[in-house]
Amino acid sequence: MDSMLVAKTILSQLGGNRFLVMTGAKSLVGGANFLAFRLPRANDGINYVRVTLNGKDLYKVEYGRATVKGYKPIAGDDDIYAEDLVRCFEATTGLATRL
């Protein structure tokens, strides 16, 4: 099994390349059960997002601010269904994922 399968699936559920272009997401890091990326700008100083697949086949989304001084969590959503990922992301960050 591909160790990046979950990360690729999360990116696809967020909108794939269209999501990357619309939000300016960069520095993507994927793992066995997560996808993390940086944002150039968003509401409330959010510049880092981590989406993790939990044991219930639902997602936990953590929004934070990463700087050279450290990391500060700002907001989070637990037990999010795949079809609600985009809605939650847009509501929290204020960034549109599509036209």
PDB file of N, CA and C in Angstrom:
ATOM      1  N   MET A   1       0.835  -1.179   0.000  1.00  0.00           N
ATOM      2  CA  MET A   1       0.000   0.000   0.000  1.00  0.00           C
ATOM      3  C   MET A   1       0.883   1.248   0.000  1.00  0.00           C
ATOM      4  N   ASP A   2       0.496   2.229  -0.764  1.00  0.00           N
ATOM      5  CA  ASP A   2       1.230   3.479  -0.883  1.00  0.00           C
ATOM      6  C   ASP A   2       1.141   4.259   0.427  1.00  0.00           C
ATOM      7  N   SER A   3       2.292   4.616   0.999  1.00  0.00           N
ATOM      8  CA  SER A   3       2.292   5.326   2.280  1.00  0.00           C
ATOM      9  C   SER A   3       1.735   6.746   2.157  1.00  0.00           C
ATOM     10  N   MET A   4       1.651   7.259   0.947  1.00  0.00           N
ATOM     11  CA  MET A   4       1.120   8.608   0.725  1.00  0.00           C
ATOM     12  C   MET A   4      -0.325   8.589   0.243  1.00  0.00           C
ATOM     13  N   LEU A   5      -0.963   7.431   0.237  1.00  0.00           N
ATOM     14  CA  LEU A   5      -2.322   7.308  -0.283  1.00  0.00           C
ATOM     15  C   LEU A   5      -3.304   8.206   0.467  1.00  0.00           C
ATOM     16  N   VAL A   6      -3.233   8.233   1.785  1.00  0.00           N
ATOM     17  CA  VAL A   6      -4.151   9.063   2.571  1.00  0.00           C
ATOM     18  C   VAL A   6      -3.910  10.537   2.268  1.00  0.00           C
ATOM     19  N   ALA A   7      -2.655  10.960   2.206  1.00  0.00           N
ATOM     20  CA  ALA A   7      -2.342  12.361   1.909  1.00  0.00           C
ATOM     21  C   ALA A   7      -2.851  12.749   0.525  1.00  0.00           C
ATOM     22  N   LYS A   8      -2.664  11.882  -0.453  1.00  0.00           N
ATOM     23  CA  LYS A   8      -3.152  12.155  -1.812  1.00  0.00           C
ATOM     24  C   LYS A   8      -4.674  12.226  -1.838  1.00  0.00           C
ATOM     25  N   THR A   9      -5.325  11.363  -1.085  1.00  0.00           N
ATOM     26  CA  THR A   9      -6.788  11.358  -1.029  1.00  0.00           C
ATOM     27  C   THR A   9      -7.311  12.634  -0.374  1.00  0.00           C
ATOM     28  N   ILE A  10      -6.677  13.070   0.700  1.00  0.00           N
ATOM     29  CA  ILE A  10      -7.090  14.309   1.366  1.00  0.00           C
ATOM     30  C   ILE A  10      -6.963  15.487   0.403  1.00  0.00           C
ATOM     31  N   LEU A  11      -5.837  15.576  -0.298  1.00  0.00           N
ATOM     32  CA  LEU A  11      -5.654  16.668  -1.256  1.00  0.00           C
ATOM     33  C   LEU A  11      -6.712  16.614  -2.342  1.00  0.00           C
ATOM     34  N   SER A  12      -7.021  15.430  -2.819  1.00  0.00           N
ATOM     35  CA  SER A  12      -8.061  15.271  -3.840  1.00  0.00           C
ATOM     36  C   SER A  12      -9.418  15.724  -3.308  1.00  0.00           C
ATOM     37  N   GLN A  13      -9.744  15.378  -2.071  1.00  0.00           N
ATOM     38  CA  GLN A  13     -11.024  15.759  -1.478  1.00  0.00           C
ATOM     39  C   GLN A  13     -11.120  17.268  -1.242  1.00  0.00           C
ATOM     40  N   LEU A  14      -9.983  17.917  -1.045  1.00  0.00           N
ATOM     41  CA  LEU A  14      -9.970  19.370  -0.893  1.00  0.00           C
ATOM     42  C   LEU A  14     -10.097  20.082  -2.237  1.00  0.00           C
ATOM     43  N   GLY A  15      -9.772  19.392  -3.323  1.00  0.00           N
ATOM     44  CA  GLY A  15      -9.895  19.999  -4.651  1.00  0.00           C
ATOM     45  C   GLY A  15      -8.677  19.833  -5.533  1.00  0.00           C
ATOM     46  N   GLY A  16      -7.654  19.145  -5.064  1.00  0.00           N
ATOM     47  CA  GLY A  16      -6.484  18.869  -5.888  1.00  0.00           C
ATOM     48  C   GLY A  16      -5.717  20.125  -6.279  1.00  0.00           C
ATOM     49  N   ASN A  17      -5.280  20.162  -7.536  1.00  0.00           N
ATOM     50  CA  ASN A  17      -4.484  21.294  -8.021  1.00  0.00           C
ATOM     51  C   ASN A  17      -5.255  22.607  -7.965  1.00  0.00           C
ATOM     52  N   ARG A  18      -6.548  22.565  -8.196  1.00  0.00           N
ATOM     53  CA  ARG A  18      -7.370  23.779  -8.110  1.00  0.00           C
ATOM     54  C   ARG A  18      -7.283  24.365  -6.696  1.00  0.00           C
ATOM     55  N   PHE A  19      -7.336  23.501  -5.685  1.00  0.00           N
ATOM     56  CA  PHE A  19      -7.203  23.941  -4.297  1.00  0.00           C
ATOM     57  C   PHE A  19      -5.851  24.622  -4.077  1.00  0.00           C
ATOM     58  N   LEU A  20      -4.780  24.015  -4.585  1.00  0.00           N
ATOM     59  CA  LEU A  20      -3.441  24.573  -4.403  1.00  0.00           C
ATOM     60  C   LEU A  20      -3.320  25.956  -5.036  1.00  0.00           C
ATOM     61  N   VAL A  21      -3.875  26.111  -6.239  1.00  0.00           N
ATOM     62  CA  VAL A  21      -3.800  27.394  -6.940  1.00  0.00           C
ATOM     63  C   VAL A  21      -4.662  28.451  -6.253  1.00  0.00           C
ATOM     64  N   MET A  22      -5.874  28.101  -5.895  1.00  0.00           N
ATOM     65  CA  MET A  22      -6.804  29.077  -5.306  1.00  0.00           C
ATOM     66  C   MET A  22      -6.362  29.555  -3.917  1.00  0.00           C
ATOM     67  N   THR A  23      -5.779  28.676  -3.126  1.00  0.00           N
ATOM     68  CA  THR A  23      -5.415  29.038  -1.752  1.00  0.00           C
ATOM     69  C   THR A  23      -3.958  29.462  -1.609  1.00  0.00           C
ATOM     70  N   GLY A  24      -3.125  29.100  -2.569  1.00  0.00           N
ATOM     71  CA  GLY A  24      -1.698  29.381  -2.455  1.00  0.00           C
ATOM     72  C   GLY A  24      -0.993  28.428  -1.514  1.00  0.00           C
ATOM     73  N   ALA A  25      -1.621  27.293  -1.209  1.00  0.00           N
ATOM     74  CA  ALA A  25      -1.026  26.307  -0.300  1.00  0.00           C
ATOM     75  C   ALA A  25       0.313  25.827  -0.854  1.00  0.00           C
ATOM     76  N   LYS A  26       1.281  25.660   0.044  1.00  0.00           N
ATOM     77  CA  LYS A  26       2.615  25.231  -0.362  1.00  0.00           C
ATOM     78  C   LYS A  26       3.241  24.426   0.767  1.00  0.00           C
ATOM     79  N   SER A  27       4.435  23.931   0.525  1.00  0.00           N
ATOM     80  CA  SER A  27       5.172  23.146   1.523  1.00  0.00           C
ATOM     81  C   SER A  27       4.325  21.995   2.038  1.00  0.00           C
ATOM     82  N   LEU A  28       3.743  21.232   1.122  1.00  0.00           N
ATOM     83  CA  LEU A  28       2.901  20.101   1.497  1.00  0.00           C
ATOM     84  C   LEU A  28       3.749  18.981   2.085  1.00  0.00           C
ATOM     85  N   VAL A  29       3.260  18.423   3.187  1.00  0.00           N
ATOM     86  CA  VAL A  29       3.906  17.287   3.837  1.00  0.00           C
ATOM     87  C   VAL A  29       2.832  16.245   4.077  1.00  0.00           C
ATOM     88  N   GLY A  30       3.080  15.032   3.632  1.00  0.00           N
ATOM     89  CA  GLY A  30       2.113  13.961   3.816  1.00  0.00           C
ATOM     90  C   GLY A  30       2.712  12.815   4.594  1.00  0.00           C
ATOM     91  N   GLY A  31       1.853  12.085   5.261  1.00  0.00           N
ATOM     92  CA  GLY A  31       2.281  10.922   6.014  1.00  0.00           C
ATOM     93  C   GLY A  31       1.279   9.806   5.859  1.00  0.00           C
ATOM     94  N   ALA A  32       1.410   8.794   6.674  1.00  0.00           N
ATOM     95  CA  ALA A  32       0.543   7.624   6.582  1.00  0.00           C
ATOM     96  C   ALA A  32      -0.920   7.961   6.829  1.00  0.00           C
ATOM     97  N   ASN A  33      -1.193   8.991   7.644  1.00  0.00           N
ATOM     98  CA  ASN A  33      -2.589   9.330   7.934  1.00  0.00           C
ATOM     99  C   ASN A  33      -2.863  10.837   7.977  1.00  0.00           C
ATOM    100  N   PHE A  34      -1.991  11.658   7.357  1.00  0.00           N
ATOM    101  CA  PHE A  34      -2.213  13.105   7.418  1.00  0.00           C
ATOM    102  C   PHE A  34      -1.673  13.830   6.192  1.00  0.00           C
ATOM    103  N   LEU A  35      -2.147  15.073   6.037  1.00  0.00           N
ATOM    104  CA  LEU A  35      -1.612  16.020   5.064  1.00  0.00           C
ATOM    105  C   LEU A  35      -1.492  17.358   5.781  1.00  0.00           C
ATOM    106  N   ALA A  36      -0.337  17.988   5.684  1.00  0.00           N
ATOM    107  CA  ALA A  36      -0.120  19.303   6.285  1.00  0.00           C
ATOM    108  C   ALA A  36       0.416  20.235   5.214  1.00  0.00           C
ATOM    109  N   PHE A  37       0.069  21.519   5.334  1.00  0.00           N
ATOM    110  CA  PHE A  37       0.554  22.497   4.363  1.00  0.00           C
ATOM    111  C   PHE A  37       0.532  23.887   4.974  1.00  0.00           C
ATOM    112  N   ARG A  38       1.263  24.787   4.327  1.00  0.00           N
ATOM    113  CA  ARG A  38       1.319  26.181   4.758  1.00  0.00           C
ATOM    114  C   ARG A  38       0.475  27.025   3.826  1.00  0.00           C
ATOM    115  N   LEU A  39      -0.063  28.105   4.362  1.00  0.00           N
ATOM    116  CA  LEU A  39      -0.857  29.059   3.592  1.00  0.00           C
ATOM    117  C   LEU A  39      -0.176  30.423   3.646  1.00  0.00           C
ATOM    118  N   PRO A  40      -0.226  31.186   2.550  1.00  0.00           N
ATOM    119  CA  PRO A  40       0.399  32.508   2.575  1.00  0.00           C
ATOM    120  C   PRO A  40      -0.393  33.522   3.398  1.00  0.00           C
ATOM    121  N   ARG A  41      -1.707  33.351   3.456  1.00  0.00           N
ATOM    122  CA  ARG A  41      -2.541  34.292   4.201  1.00  0.00           C
ATOM    123  C   ARG A  41      -3.901  33.649   4.476  1.00  0.00           C
ATOM    124  N   ALA A  42      -4.486  33.994   5.595  1.00  0.00           N
ATOM    125  CA  ALA A  42      -5.818  33.495   5.944  1.00  0.00           C
ATOM    126  C   ALA A  42      -6.323  34.293   7.139  1.00  0.00           C
ATOM    127  N   ASN A  43      -7.576  34.075   7.507  1.00  0.00           N
ATOM    128  CA  ASN A  43      -8.170  34.755   8.666  1.00  0.00           C
ATOM    129  C   ASN A  43      -7.424  34.419   9.949  1.00  0.00           C
ATOM    130  N   ASP A  44      -7.426  35.340  10.874  1.00  0.00           N
ATOM    131  CA  ASP A  44      -6.896  35.128  12.225  1.00  0.00           C
ATOM    132  C   ASP A  44      -5.430  34.720  12.263  1.00  0.00           C
ATOM    133  N   GLY A  45      -4.667  35.022  11.216  1.00  0.00           N
ATOM    134  CA  GLY A  45      -3.249  34.693  11.199  1.00  0.00           C
ATOM    135  C   GLY A  45      -2.940  33.239  10.909  1.00  0.00           C
ATOM    136  N   ILE A  46      -3.915  32.474  10.477  1.00  0.00           N
ATOM    137  CA  ILE A  46      -3.692  31.059  10.171  1.00  0.00           C
ATOM    138  C   ILE A  46      -2.754  30.942   8.974  1.00  0.00           C
ATOM    139  N   ASN A  47      -1.662  30.190   9.146  1.00  0.00           N
ATOM    140  CA  ASN A  47      -0.767  29.941   8.020  1.00  0.00           C
ATOM    141  C   ASN A  47      -0.326  28.476   7.939  1.00  0.00           C
ATOM    142  N   TYR A  48      -0.916  27.626   8.781  1.00  0.00           N
ATOM    143  CA  TYR A  48      -0.564  26.203   8.786  1.00  0.00           C
ATOM    144  C   TYR A  48      -1.828  25.390   9.033  1.00  0.00           C
ATOM    145  N   VAL A  49      -2.007  24.344   8.232  1.00  0.00           N
ATOM    146  CA  VAL A  49      -3.176  23.469   8.370  1.00  0.00           C
ATOM    147  C   VAL A  49      -2.699  22.023   8.342  1.00  0.00           C
ATOM    148  N   ARG A  50      -3.264  21.215   9.222  1.00  0.00           N
ATOM    149  CA  ARG A  50      -2.966  19.775   9.241  1.00  0.00           C
ATOM    150  C   ARG A  50      -4.292  19.026   9.276  1.00  0.00           C
ATOM    151  N   VAL A  51      -4.488  18.141   8.294  1.00  0.00           N
ATOM    152  CA  VAL A  51      -5.694  17.316   8.198  1.00  0.00           C
ATOM    153  C   VAL A  51      -5.275  15.880   8.488  1.00  0.00           C
ATOM    154  N   THR A  52      -5.873  15.279   9.513  1.00  0.00           N
ATOM    155  CA  THR A  52      -5.502  13.932   9.945  1.00  0.00           C
ATOM    156  C   THR A  52      -6.706  13.007   9.882  1.00  0.00           C
ATOM    157  N   LEU A  53      -6.512  11.828   9.310  1.00  0.00           N
ATOM    158  CA  LEU A  53      -7.547  10.797   9.277  1.00  0.00           C
ATOM    159  C   LEU A  53      -7.503  10.048  10.604  1.00  0.00           C
ATOM    160  N   ASN A  54      -8.647   9.981  11.298  1.00  0.00           N
ATOM    161  CA  ASN A  54      -8.662   9.288  12.587  1.00  0.00           C
ATOM    162  C   ASN A  54      -9.194   7.860  12.432  1.00  0.00           C
ATOM    163  N   GLY A  55      -9.270   7.138  13.516  1.00  0.00           N
ATOM    164  CA  GLY A  55      -9.688   5.742  13.501  1.00  0.00           C
ATOM    165  C   GLY A  55     -11.142   5.521  13.139  1.00  0.00           C
ATOM    166  N   LYS A  56     -11.954   6.579  13.172  1.00  0.00           N
ATOM    167  CA  LYS A  56     -13.375   6.467  12.827  1.00  0.00           C
ATOM    168  C   LYS A  56     -13.622   6.763  11.349  1.00  0.00           C
ATOM    169  N   ASP A  57     -12.535   6.873  10.566  1.00  0.00           N
ATOM    170  CA  ASP A  57     -12.599   7.210   9.142  1.00  0.00           C
ATOM    171  C   ASP A  57     -13.179   8.610   8.935  1.00  0.00           C
ATOM    172  N   LEU A  58     -12.923   9.486   9.902  1.00  0.00           N
ATOM    173  CA  LEU A  58     -13.313  10.891   9.827  1.00  0.00           C
ATOM    174  C   LEU A  58     -12.040  11.725   9.953  1.00  0.00           C
ATOM    175  N   TYR A  59     -12.153  13.021   9.727  1.00  0.00           N
ATOM    176  CA  TYR A  59     -10.974  13.878   9.731  1.00  0.00           C
ATOM    177  C   TYR A  59     -10.946  14.834  10.915  1.00  0.00           C
ATOM    178  N   LYS A  60      -9.738  15.086  11.390  1.00  0.00           N
ATOM    179  CA  LYS A  60      -9.483  16.137  12.374  1.00  0.00           C
ATOM    180  C   LYS A  60      -8.665  17.194  11.631  1.00  0.00           C
ATOM    181  N   VAL A  61      -9.118  18.441  11.691  1.00  0.00           N
ATOM    182  CA  VAL A  61      -8.416  19.528  11.008  1.00  0.00           C
ATOM    183  C   VAL A  61      -7.931  20.516  12.060  1.00  0.00           C
ATOM    184  N   GLU A  62      -6.637  20.792  12.041  1.00  0.00           N
ATOM    185  CA  GLU A  62      -6.040  21.735  12.989  1.00  0.00           C
ATOM    186  C   GLU A  62      -5.502  22.931  12.214  1.00  0.00           C
ATOM    187  N   TYR A  63      -5.879  24.121  12.654  1.00  0.00           N
ATOM    188  CA  TYR A  63      -5.438  25.368  12.033  1.00  0.00           C
ATOM    189  C   TYR A  63      -4.542  26.090  13.028  1.00  0.00           C
ATOM    190  N   GLY A  64      -3.408  26.596  12.551  1.00  0.00           N
ATOM    191  CA  GLY A  64      -2.515  27.273  13.469  1.00  0.00           C
ATOM    192  C   GLY A  64      -1.638  28.303  12.799  1.00  0.00           C
ATOM    193  N   ARG A  65      -0.771  28.867  13.606  1.00  0.00           N
ATOM    194  CA  ARG A  65       0.188  29.864  13.125  1.00  0.00           C
ATOM    195  C   ARG A  65       1.579  29.343  13.446  1.00  0.00           C
ATOM    196  N   ALA A  66       2.380  29.133  12.403  1.00  0.00           N
ATOM    197  CA  ALA A  66       3.751  28.661  12.563  1.00  0.00           C
ATOM    198  C   ALA A  66       4.711  29.804  12.249  1.00  0.00           C
ATOM    199  N   THR A  67       5.614  30.076  13.178  1.00  0.00           N
ATOM    200  CA  THR A  67       6.632  31.109  12.990  1.00  0.00           C
ATOM    201  C   THR A  67       7.968  30.554  13.462  1.00  0.00           C
ATOM    202  N   VAL A  68       9.012  31.347  13.323  1.00  0.00           N
ATOM    203  CA  VAL A  68      10.317  30.903  13.805  1.00  0.00           C
ATOM    204  C   VAL A  68      10.330  30.773  15.328  1.00  0.00           C
ATOM    205  N   LYS A  69       9.404  31.445  15.997  1.00  0.00           N
ATOM    206  CA  LYS A  69       9.320  31.368  17.460  1.00  0.00           C
ATOM    207  C   LYS A  69       8.577  30.128  17.944  1.00  0.00           C
ATOM    208  N   GLY A  70       7.871  29.452  17.036  1.00  0.00           N
ATOM    209  CA  GLY A  70       7.142  28.258  17.437  1.00  0.00           C
ATOM    210  C   GLY A  70       5.798  28.143  16.749  1.00  0.00           C
ATOM    211  N   TYR A  71       4.975  27.263  17.282  1.00  0.00           N
ATOM    212  CA  TYR A  71       3.667  26.977  16.705  1.00  0.00           C
ATOM    213  C   TYR A  71       2.579  27.298  17.722  1.00  0.00           C
ATOM    214  N   LYS A  72       1.495  27.930  17.232  1.00  0.00           N
ATOM    215  CA  LYS A  72       0.373  28.266  18.105  1.00  0.00           C
ATOM    216  C   LYS A  72      -0.920  27.782  17.449  1.00  0.00           C
ATOM    217  N   PRO A  73      -1.614  26.817  18.057  1.00  0.00           N
ATOM    218  CA  PRO A  73      -2.903  26.385  17.503  1.00  0.00           C
ATOM    219  C   PRO A  73      -3.924  27.517  17.621  1.00  0.00           C
ATOM    220  N   ILE A  74      -4.724  27.695  16.573  1.00  0.00           N
ATOM    221  CA  ILE A  74      -5.722  28.764  16.562  1.00  0.00           C
ATOM    222  C   ILE A  74      -7.139  28.206  16.586  1.00  0.00           C
ATOM    223  N   ALA A  75      -7.389  27.182  15.787  1.00  0.00           N
ATOM    224  CA  ALA A  75      -8.736  26.606  15.703  1.00  0.00           C
ATOM    225  C   ALA A  75      -8.619  25.144  15.305  1.00  0.00           C
ATOM    226  N   GLY A  76      -9.740  24.441  15.403  1.00  0.00           N
ATOM    227  CA  GLY A  76      -9.738  23.040  15.006  1.00  0.00           C
ATOM    228  C   GLY A  76     -11.140  22.512  14.810  1.00  0.00           C
ATOM    229  N   ASP A  77     -11.244  21.485  13.998  1.00  0.00           N
ATOM    230  CA  ASP A  77     -12.504  20.783  13.763  1.00  0.00           C
ATOM    231  C   ASP A  77     -12.245  19.296  13.958  1.00  0.00           C
ATOM    232  N   ASP A  78     -13.117  18.620  14.686  1.00  0.00           N
ATOM    233  CA  ASP A  78     -12.984  17.181  14.913  1.00  0.00           C
ATOM    234  C   ASP A  78     -14.120  16.430  14.244  1.00  0.00           C
ATOM    235  N   ASP A  79     -13.840  15.197  13.848  1.00  0.00           N
ATOM    236  CA  ASP A  79     -14.833  14.284  13.270  1.00  0.00           C
ATOM    237  C   ASP A  79     -15.577  14.909  12.090  1.00  0.00           C
ATOM    238  N   ILE A  80     -14.813  15.333  11.100  1.00  0.00           N
ATOM    239  CA  ILE A  80     -15.350  15.952   9.893  1.00  0.00           C
ATOM    240  C   ILE A  80     -15.456  14.891   8.800  1.00  0.00           C
ATOM    241  N   TYR A  81     -16.613  14.821   8.155  1.00  0.00           N
ATOM    242  CA  TYR A  81     -16.782  13.926   7.016  1.00  0.00           C
ATOM    243  C   TYR A  81     -16.048  14.502   5.813  1.00  0.00           C
ATOM    244  N   ALA A  82     -15.636  13.638   4.888  1.00  0.00           N
ATOM    245  CA  ALA A  82     -14.890  14.063   3.703  1.00  0.00           C
ATOM    246  C   ALA A  82     -15.636  15.129   2.919  1.00  0.00           C
ATOM    247  N   GLU A  83     -16.945  14.983   2.785  1.00  0.00           N
ATOM    248  CA  GLU A  83     -17.718  15.947   2.001  1.00  0.00           C
ATOM    249  C   GLU A  83     -17.822  17.312   2.687  1.00  0.00           C
ATOM    250  N   ASP A  84     -17.452  17.398   3.961  1.00  0.00           N
ATOM    251  CA  ASP A  84     -17.510  18.667   4.691  1.00  0.00           C
ATOM    252  C   ASP A  84     -16.149  19.350   4.829  1.00  0.00           C
ATOM    253  N   LEU A  85     -15.085  18.719   4.325  1.00  0.00           N
ATOM    254  CA  LEU A  85     -13.746  19.285   4.470  1.00  0.00           C
ATOM    255  C   LEU A  85     -13.637  20.680   3.863  1.00  0.00           C
ATOM    256  N   VAL A  86     -14.101  20.840   2.632  1.00  0.00           N
ATOM    257  CA  VAL A  86     -13.987  22.127   1.941  1.00  0.00           C
ATOM    258  C   VAL A  86     -14.783  23.199   2.675  1.00  0.00           C
ATOM    259  N   ARG A  87     -16.004  22.885   3.068  1.00  0.00           N
ATOM    260  CA  ARG A  87     -16.853  23.855   3.767  1.00  0.00           C
ATOM    261  C   ARG A  87     -16.193  24.324   5.063  1.00  0.00           C
ATOM    262  N   CYS A  88     -15.669  23.397   5.842  1.00  0.00           N
ATOM    263  CA  CYS A  88     -15.019  23.753   7.106  1.00  0.00           C
ATOM    264  C   CYS A  88     -13.751  24.572   6.866  1.00  0.00           C
ATOM    265  N   PHE A  89     -12.961  24.175   5.866  1.00  0.00           N
ATOM    266  CA  PHE A  89     -11.741  24.908   5.539  1.00  0.00           C
ATOM    267  C   PHE A  89     -12.068  26.348   5.150  1.00  0.00           C
ATOM    268  N   GLU A  90     -13.036  26.519   4.258  1.00  0.00           N
ATOM    269  CA  GLU A  90     -13.404  27.862   3.797  1.00  0.00           C
ATOM    270  C   GLU A  90     -13.962  28.719   4.937  1.00  0.00           C
ATOM    271  N   ALA A  91     -14.775  28.121   5.800  1.00  0.00           N
ATOM    272  CA  ALA A  91     -15.371  28.873   6.910  1.00  0.00           C
ATOM    273  C   ALA A  91     -14.313  29.332   7.912  1.00  0.00           C
ATOM    274  N   THR A  92     -13.330  28.503   8.171  1.00  0.00           N
ATOM    275  CA  THR A  92     -12.323  28.833   9.177  1.00  0.00           C
ATOM    276  C   THR A  92     -11.248  29.768   8.642  1.00  0.00           C
ATOM    277  N   THR A  93     -10.772  29.521   7.420  1.00  0.00           N
ATOM    278  CA  THR A  93      -9.667  30.318   6.879  1.00  0.00           C
ATOM    279  C   THR A  93     -10.130  31.548   6.110  1.00  0.00           C
ATOM    280  N   GLY A  94     -11.358  31.530   5.603  1.00  0.00           N
ATOM    281  CA  GLY A  94     -11.836  32.632   4.774  1.00  0.00           C
ATOM    282  C   GLY A  94     -11.324  32.570   3.354  1.00  0.00           C
ATOM    283  N   LEU A  95     -10.646  31.486   2.989  1.00  0.00           N
ATOM    284  CA  LEU A  95     -10.108  31.324   1.641  1.00  0.00           C
ATOM    285  C   LEU A  95     -11.056  30.491   0.795  1.00  0.00           C
ATOM    286  N   ALA A  96     -11.285  30.918  -0.440  1.00  0.00           N
ATOM    287  CA  ALA A  96     -12.120  30.157  -1.372  1.00  0.00           C
ATOM    288  C   ALA A  96     -11.272  29.066  -2.013  1.00  0.00           C
ATOM    289  N   THR A  97     -11.873  27.909  -2.226  1.00  0.00           N
ATOM    290  CA  THR A  97     -11.148  26.803  -2.849  1.00  0.00           C
ATOM    291  C   THR A  97     -11.530  26.615  -4.307  1.00  0.00           C
ATOM    292  N   ARG A  98     -12.529  27.352  -4.764  1.00  0.00           N
ATOM    293  CA  ARG A  98     -12.951  27.302  -6.170  1.00  0.00           C
ATOM    294  C   ARG A  98     -13.650  28.603  -6.521  1.00  0.00           C
ATOM    295  N   LEU A  99     -13.766  28.834  -7.818  1.00  0.00           N
ATOM    296  CA  LEU A  99     -14.420  30.070  -8.292  1.00  0.00           C
ATOM    297  C   LEU A  99     -15.908  29.988  -8.153  1.00  0.00           C
TER     298      LEU A  99
END
